Amino acid sequence: MSEAVLVERRERVMIVTLNRPEARNAVNRAVTVGVGEALEEADRNPDVWAVIITGAGDQSFCAGADL
């Protein structure tokens, strides 16, 4: 099983990818924690100037909460 959130750096940009394309990247606990941790890391790191949040797959960015 893949991670719910993928994080990569491209120079001064952090790219955070919601990685649940099978659920149209709906937010669950793992996504909430993963995005939160990524944003905290970006906030602590002065080399990160921008954060892009995107979704995996080609159907949607995020379908909302996975209830």
PDB file of N, CA and C in Angstrom:
ATOM      1  N   MET A   1       0.847  -1.182   0.000  1.00  0.00           N
ATOM      2  CA  MET A   1       0.000   0.000   0.000  1.00  0.00           C
ATOM      3  C   MET A   1       0.888   1.240   0.000  1.00  0.00           C
ATOM      4  N   SER A   2       0.512   2.228  -0.781  1.00  0.00           N
ATOM      5  CA  SER A   2       1.314   3.442  -0.867  1.00  0.00           C
ATOM      6  C   SER A   2       0.971   4.401   0.262  1.00  0.00           C
ATOM      7  N   GLU A   3       1.846   5.363   0.475  1.00  0.00           N
ATOM      8  CA  GLU A   3       1.616   6.368   1.503  1.00  0.00           C
ATOM      9  C   GLU A   3       0.480   7.296   1.084  1.00  0.00           C
ATOM     10  N   ALA A   4      -0.279   7.774   2.044  1.00  0.00           N
ATOM     11  CA  ALA A   4      -1.425   8.634   1.764  1.00  0.00           C
ATOM     12  C   ALA A   4      -1.011  10.026   1.313  1.00  0.00           C
ATOM     13  N   VAL A   5       0.189  10.462   1.720  1.00  0.00           N
ATOM     14  CA  VAL A   5       0.697  11.779   1.334  1.00  0.00           C
ATOM     15  C   VAL A   5       2.155  11.623   0.927  1.00  0.00           C
ATOM     16  N   LEU A   6       2.489  12.156  -0.232  1.00  0.00           N
ATOM     17  CA  LEU A   6       3.870  12.135  -0.709  1.00  0.00           C
ATOM     18  C   LEU A   6       4.423  13.549  -0.631  1.00  0.00           C
ATOM     19  N   VAL A   7       5.672  13.674  -0.224  1.00  0.00           N
ATOM     20  CA  VAL A   7       6.302  14.980  -0.102  1.00  0.00           C
ATOM     21  C   VAL A   7       7.611  14.954  -0.874  1.00  0.00           C
ATOM     22  N   GLU A   8       7.813  15.972  -1.707  1.00  0.00           N
ATOM     23  CA  GLU A   8       9.083  16.096  -2.411  1.00  0.00           C
ATOM     24  C   GLU A   8       9.494  17.556  -2.434  1.00  0.00           C
ATOM     25  N   ARG A   9      10.779  17.771  -2.614  1.00  0.00           N
ATOM     26  CA  ARG A   9      11.312  19.125  -2.697  1.00  0.00           C
ATOM     27  C   ARG A   9      11.894  19.346  -4.076  1.00  0.00           C
ATOM     28  N   ARG A  10      11.604  20.485  -4.637  1.00  0.00           N
ATOM     29  CA  ARG A  10      12.226  20.943  -5.880  1.00  0.00           C
ATOM     30  C   ARG A  10      12.750  22.342  -5.590  1.00  0.00           C
ATOM     31  N   GLU A  11      14.024  22.384  -5.309  1.00  0.00           N
ATOM     32  CA  GLU A  11      14.685  23.617  -4.901  1.00  0.00           C
ATOM     33  C   GLU A  11      13.968  24.201  -3.684  1.00  0.00           C
ATOM     34  N   ARG A  12      13.370  25.363  -3.777  1.00  0.00           N
ATOM     35  CA  ARG A  12      12.746  26.017  -2.621  1.00  0.00           C
ATOM     36  C   ARG A  12      11.241  25.743  -2.513  1.00  0.00           C
ATOM     37  N   VAL A  13      10.766  24.795  -3.301  1.00  0.00           N
ATOM     38  CA  VAL A  13       9.340  24.467  -3.321  1.00  0.00           C
ATOM     39  C   VAL A  13       9.126  23.064  -2.763  1.00  0.00           C
ATOM     40  N   MET A  14       8.187  22.942  -1.832  1.00  0.00           N
ATOM     41  CA  MET A  14       7.774  21.638  -1.318  1.00  0.00           C
ATOM     42  C   MET A  14       6.470  21.268  -2.017  1.00  0.00           C
ATOM     43  N   ILE A  15       6.426  20.078  -2.586  1.00  0.00           N
ATOM     44  CA  ILE A  15       5.219  19.597  -3.258  1.00  0.00           C
ATOM     45  C   ILE A  15       4.623  18.486  -2.403  1.00  0.00           C
ATOM     46  N   VAL A  16       3.389  18.701  -1.980  1.00  0.00           N
ATOM     47  CA  VAL A  16       2.666  17.755  -1.131  1.00  0.00           C
ATOM     48  C   VAL A  16       1.554  17.150  -1.993  1.00  0.00           C
ATOM     49  N   THR A  17       1.589  15.837  -2.186  1.00  0.00           N
ATOM     50  CA  THR A  17       0.618  15.167  -3.049  1.00  0.00           C
ATOM     51  C   THR A  17      -0.295  14.268  -2.225  1.00  0.00           C
ATOM     52  N   LEU A  18      -1.584  14.535  -2.297  1.00  0.00           N
ATOM     53  CA  LEU A  18      -2.572  13.632  -1.706  1.00  0.00           C
ATOM     54  C   LEU A  18      -2.554  12.381  -2.577  1.00  0.00           C
ATOM     55  N   ASN A  19      -2.265  11.238  -1.990  1.00  0.00           N
ATOM     56  CA  ASN A  19      -2.000  10.035  -2.777  1.00  0.00           C
ATOM     57  C   ASN A  19      -3.017   8.936  -2.493  1.00  0.00           C
ATOM     58  N   ARG A  20      -4.276   9.252  -2.744  1.00  0.00           N
ATOM     59  CA  ARG A  20      -5.337   8.245  -2.625  1.00  0.00           C
ATOM     60  C   ARG A  20      -6.226   8.319  -3.874  1.00  0.00           C
ATOM     61  N   PRO A  21      -5.645   8.128  -5.051  1.00  0.00           N
ATOM     62  CA  PRO A  21      -6.445   8.293  -6.267  1.00  0.00           C
ATOM     63  C   PRO A  21      -7.633   7.335  -6.351  1.00  0.00           C
ATOM     64  N   GLU A  22      -7.516   6.164  -5.711  1.00  0.00           N
ATOM     65  CA  GLU A  22      -8.630   5.207  -5.734  1.00  0.00           C
ATOM     66  C   GLU A  22      -9.851   5.747  -4.997  1.00  0.00           C
ATOM     67  N   ALA A  23      -9.637   6.717  -4.094  1.00  0.00           N
ATOM     68  CA  ALA A  23     -10.725   7.353  -3.338  1.00  0.00           C
ATOM     69  C   ALA A  23     -10.869   8.822  -3.742  1.00  0.00           C
ATOM     70  N   ARG A  24     -10.352   9.147  -4.941  1.00  0.00           N
ATOM     71  CA  ARG A  24     -10.348  10.532  -5.433  1.00  0.00           C
ATOM     72  C   ARG A  24      -9.715  11.480  -4.420  1.00  0.00           C
ATOM     73  N   ASN A  25      -8.686  10.968  -3.755  1.00  0.00           N
ATOM     74  CA  ASN A  25      -7.892  11.730  -2.790  1.00  0.00           C
ATOM     75  C   ASN A  25      -8.709  12.296  -1.631  1.00  0.00           C
ATOM     76  N   ALA A  26      -9.768  11.593  -1.275  1.00  0.00           N
ATOM     77  CA  ALA A  26     -10.593  12.020  -0.141  1.00  0.00           C
ATOM     78  C   ALA A  26      -9.745  12.029   1.125  1.00  0.00           C
ATOM     79  N   VAL A  27     -10.014  13.006   1.974  1.00  0.00           N
ATOM     80  CA  VAL A  27      -9.234  13.190   3.199  1.00  0.00           C
ATOM     81  C   VAL A  27      -9.689  12.194   4.265  1.00  0.00           C
ATOM     82  N   ASN A  28      -8.736  11.445   4.771  1.00  0.00           N
ATOM     83  CA  ASN A  28      -8.970  10.564   5.927  1.00  0.00           C
ATOM     84  C   ASN A  28      -7.924  10.927   6.985  1.00  0.00           C
ATOM     85  N   ARG A  29      -7.827  10.153   8.018  1.00  0.00           N
ATOM     86  CA  ARG A  29      -6.881  10.471   9.096  1.00  0.00           C
ATOM     87  C   ARG A  29      -5.441  10.510   8.594  1.00  0.00           C
ATOM     88  N   ALA A  30      -5.056   9.548   7.774  1.00  0.00           N
ATOM     89  CA  ALA A  30      -3.677   9.491   7.277  1.00  0.00           C
ATOM     90  C   ALA A  30      -3.333  10.727   6.441  1.00  0.00           C
ATOM     91  N   VAL A  31      -4.272  11.189   5.642  1.00  0.00           N
ATOM     92  CA  VAL A  31      -4.041  12.390   4.836  1.00  0.00           C
ATOM     93  C   VAL A  31      -3.940  13.614   5.739  1.00  0.00           C
ATOM     94  N   THR A  32      -4.822  13.718   6.705  1.00  0.00           N
ATOM     95  CA  THR A  32      -4.795  14.849   7.636  1.00  0.00           C
ATOM     96  C   THR A  32      -3.453  14.935   8.351  1.00  0.00           C
ATOM     97  N   VAL A  33      -2.991  13.810   8.877  1.00  0.00           N
ATOM     98  CA  VAL A  33      -1.713  13.783   9.597  1.00  0.00           C
ATOM     99  C   VAL A  33      -0.564  14.077   8.639  1.00  0.00           C
ATOM    100  N   GLY A  34      -0.568  13.469   7.482  1.00  0.00           N
ATOM    101  CA  GLY A  34       0.519  13.656   6.518  1.00  0.00           C
ATOM    102  C   GLY A  34       0.657  15.087   6.038  1.00  0.00           C
ATOM    103  N   VAL A  35      -0.461  15.719   5.716  1.00  0.00           N
ATOM    104  CA  VAL A  35      -0.418  17.113   5.277  1.00  0.00           C
ATOM    105  C   VAL A  35       0.027  18.010   6.432  1.00  0.00           C
ATOM    106  N   GLY A  36      -0.490  17.751   7.608  1.00  0.00           N
ATOM    107  CA  GLY A  36      -0.095  18.536   8.776  1.00  0.00           C
ATOM    108  C   GLY A  36       1.397  18.458   9.042  1.00  0.00           C
ATOM    109  N   GLU A  37       1.950  17.262   8.980  1.00  0.00           N
ATOM    110  CA  GLU A  37       3.383  17.087   9.201  1.00  0.00           C
ATOM    111  C   GLU A  37       4.202  17.794   8.126  1.00  0.00           C
ATOM    112  N   ALA A  38       3.756  17.709   6.877  1.00  0.00           N
ATOM    113  CA  ALA A  38       4.469  18.376   5.786  1.00  0.00           C
ATOM    114  C   ALA A  38       4.461  19.886   5.970  1.00  0.00           C
ATOM    115  N   LEU A  39       3.317  20.447   6.354  1.00  0.00           N
ATOM    116  CA  LEU A  39       3.233  21.891   6.552  1.00  0.00           C
ATOM    117  C   LEU A  39       4.065  22.343   7.743  1.00  0.00           C
ATOM    118  N   GLU A  40       4.113  21.546   8.797  1.00  0.00           N
ATOM    119  CA  GLU A  40       4.962  21.875   9.939  1.00  0.00           C
ATOM    120  C   GLU A  40       6.440  21.861   9.538  1.00  0.00           C
ATOM    121  N   GLU A  41       6.813  20.874   8.741  1.00  0.00           N
ATOM    122  CA  GLU A  41       8.196  20.800   8.251  1.00  0.00           C
ATOM    123  C   GLU A  41       8.526  22.026   7.401  1.00  0.00           C
ATOM    124  N   ALA A  42       7.621  22.408   6.520  1.00  0.00           N
ATOM    125  CA  ALA A  42       7.845  23.588   5.670  1.00  0.00           C
ATOM    126  C   ALA A  42       7.974  24.849   6.512  1.00  0.00           C
ATOM    127  N   ASP A  43       7.183  24.956   7.556  1.00  0.00           N
ATOM    128  CA  ASP A  43       7.219  26.124   8.421  1.00  0.00           C
ATOM    129  C   ASP A  43       8.549  26.225   9.172  1.00  0.00           C
ATOM    130  N   ARG A  44       9.111  25.093   9.535  1.00  0.00           N
ATOM    131  CA  ARG A  44      10.383  25.067  10.272  1.00  0.00           C
ATOM    132  C   ARG A  44      11.596  25.289   9.373  1.00  0.00           C
ATOM    133  N   ASN A  45      11.447  25.053   8.087  1.00  0.00           N
ATOM    134  CA  ASN A  45      12.581  25.071   7.174  1.00  0.00           C
ATOM    135  C   ASN A  45      12.625  26.391   6.391  1.00  0.00           C
ATOM    136  N   PRO A  46      13.593  27.257   6.678  1.00  0.00           N
ATOM    137  CA  PRO A  46      13.667  28.543   5.974  1.00  0.00           C
ATOM    138  C   PRO A  46      14.014  28.408   4.495  1.00  0.00           C
ATOM    139  N   ASP A  47      14.452  27.236   4.056  1.00  0.00           N
ATOM    140  CA  ASP A  47      14.753  27.020   2.643  1.00  0.00           C
ATOM    141  C   ASP A  47      13.513  26.723   1.812  1.00  0.00           C
ATOM    142  N   VAL A  48      12.386  26.497   2.460  1.00  0.00           N
ATOM    143  CA  VAL A  48      11.123  26.274   1.742  1.00  0.00           C
ATOM    144  C   VAL A  48      10.399  27.614   1.640  1.00  0.00           C
ATOM    145  N   TRP A  49      10.244  28.089   0.416  1.00  0.00           N
ATOM    146  CA  TRP A  49       9.599  29.381   0.175  1.00  0.00           C
ATOM    147  C   TRP A  49       8.138  29.225  -0.239  1.00  0.00           C
ATOM    148  N   ALA A  50       7.777  28.061  -0.775  1.00  0.00           N
ATOM    149  CA  ALA A  50       6.408  27.858  -1.246  1.00  0.00           C
ATOM    150  C   ALA A  50       6.027  26.393  -1.071  1.00  0.00           C
ATOM    151  N   VAL A  51       4.733  26.158  -0.890  1.00  0.00           N
ATOM    152  CA  VAL A  51       4.198  24.805  -0.785  1.00  0.00           C
ATOM    153  C   VAL A  51       3.077  24.671  -1.809  1.00  0.00           C
ATOM    154  N   ILE A  52       3.136  23.602  -2.585  1.00  0.00           N
ATOM    155  CA  ILE A  52       2.076  23.277  -3.539  1.00  0.00           C
ATOM    156  C   ILE A  52       1.401  22.009  -3.041  1.00  0.00           C
ATOM    157  N   ILE A  53       0.085  22.053  -2.930  1.00  0.00           N
ATOM    158  CA  ILE A  53      -0.672  20.852  -2.566  1.00  0.00           C
ATOM    159  C   ILE A  53      -1.437  20.411  -3.799  1.00  0.00           C
ATOM    160  N   THR A  54      -1.251  19.155  -4.167  1.00  0.00           N
ATOM    161  CA  THR A  54      -1.869  18.615  -5.373  1.00  0.00           C
ATOM    162  C   THR A  54      -2.419  17.223  -5.078  1.00  0.00           C
ATOM    163  N   GLY A  55      -3.138  16.664  -6.012  1.00  0.00           N
ATOM    164  CA  GLY A  55      -3.703  15.332  -5.849  1.00  0.00           C
ATOM    165  C   GLY A  55      -3.194  14.369  -6.904  1.00  0.00           C
ATOM    166  N   ALA A  56      -3.008  13.117  -6.528  1.00  0.00           N
ATOM    167  CA  ALA A  56      -2.566  12.075  -7.454  1.00  0.00           C
ATOM    168  C   ALA A  56      -3.729  11.659  -8.353  1.00  0.00           C
ATOM    169  N   GLY A  57      -3.381  11.120  -9.502  1.00  0.00           N
ATOM    170  CA  GLY A  57      -4.400  10.639 -10.432  1.00  0.00           C
ATOM    171  C   GLY A  57      -4.917  11.754 -11.318  1.00  0.00           C
ATOM    172  N   ASP A  58      -5.915  11.410 -12.125  1.00  0.00           N
ATOM    173  CA  ASP A  58      -6.427  12.384 -13.091  1.00  0.00           C
ATOM    174  C   ASP A  58      -7.937  12.615 -12.971  1.00  0.00           C
ATOM    175  N   GLN A  59      -8.554  12.172 -11.871  1.00  0.00           N
ATOM    176  CA  GLN A  59      -9.995  12.342 -11.738  1.00  0.00           C
ATOM    177  C   GLN A  59     -10.396  13.536 -10.896  1.00  0.00           C
ATOM    178  N   SER A  60      -9.617  13.841  -9.861  1.00  0.00           N
ATOM    179  CA  SER A  60      -9.963  14.997  -9.027  1.00  0.00           C
ATOM    180  C   SER A  60      -8.796  15.364  -8.130  1.00  0.00           C
ATOM    181  N   PHE A  61      -8.808  16.616  -7.671  1.00  0.00           N
ATOM    182  CA  PHE A  61      -7.815  17.064  -6.697  1.00  0.00           C
ATOM    183  C   PHE A  61      -8.109  16.415  -5.350  1.00  0.00           C
ATOM    184  N   CYS A  62      -9.347  16.597  -4.857  1.00  0.00           N
ATOM    185  CA  CYS A  62      -9.752  16.045  -3.574  1.00  0.00           C
ATOM    186  C   CYS A  62     -11.274  16.018  -3.527  1.00  0.00           C
ATOM    187  N   ALA A  63     -11.830  14.863  -3.223  1.00  0.00           N
ATOM    188  CA  ALA A  63     -13.282  14.701  -3.216  1.00  0.00           C
ATOM    189  C   ALA A  63     -13.924  15.160  -1.902  1.00  0.00           C
ATOM    190  N   GLY A  64     -13.104  15.590  -0.940  1.00  0.00           N
ATOM    191  CA  GLY A  64     -13.649  16.001   0.361  1.00  0.00           C
ATOM    192  C   GLY A  64     -13.257  15.011   1.434  1.00  0.00           C
ATOM    193  N   ALA A  65     -14.042  14.952   2.470  1.00  0.00           N
ATOM    194  CA  ALA A  65     -13.745  14.052   3.589  1.00  0.00           C
ATOM    195  C   ALA A  65     -14.220  12.638   3.290  1.00  0.00           C
ATOM    196  N   ASP A  66     -13.416  11.671   3.681  1.00  0.00           N
ATOM    197  CA  ASP A  66     -13.772  10.258   3.517  1.00  0.00           C
ATOM    198  C   ASP A  66     -14.517   9.811   4.758  1.00  0.00           C
ATOM    199  N   LEU A  67     -15.821   9.938   4.714  1.00  0.00           N
ATOM    200  CA  LEU A  67     -16.651   9.600   5.860  1.00  0.00           C
ATOM    201  C   LEU A  67     -17.000   8.138   5.853  1.00  0.00           C
TER     202      LEU A  67
END
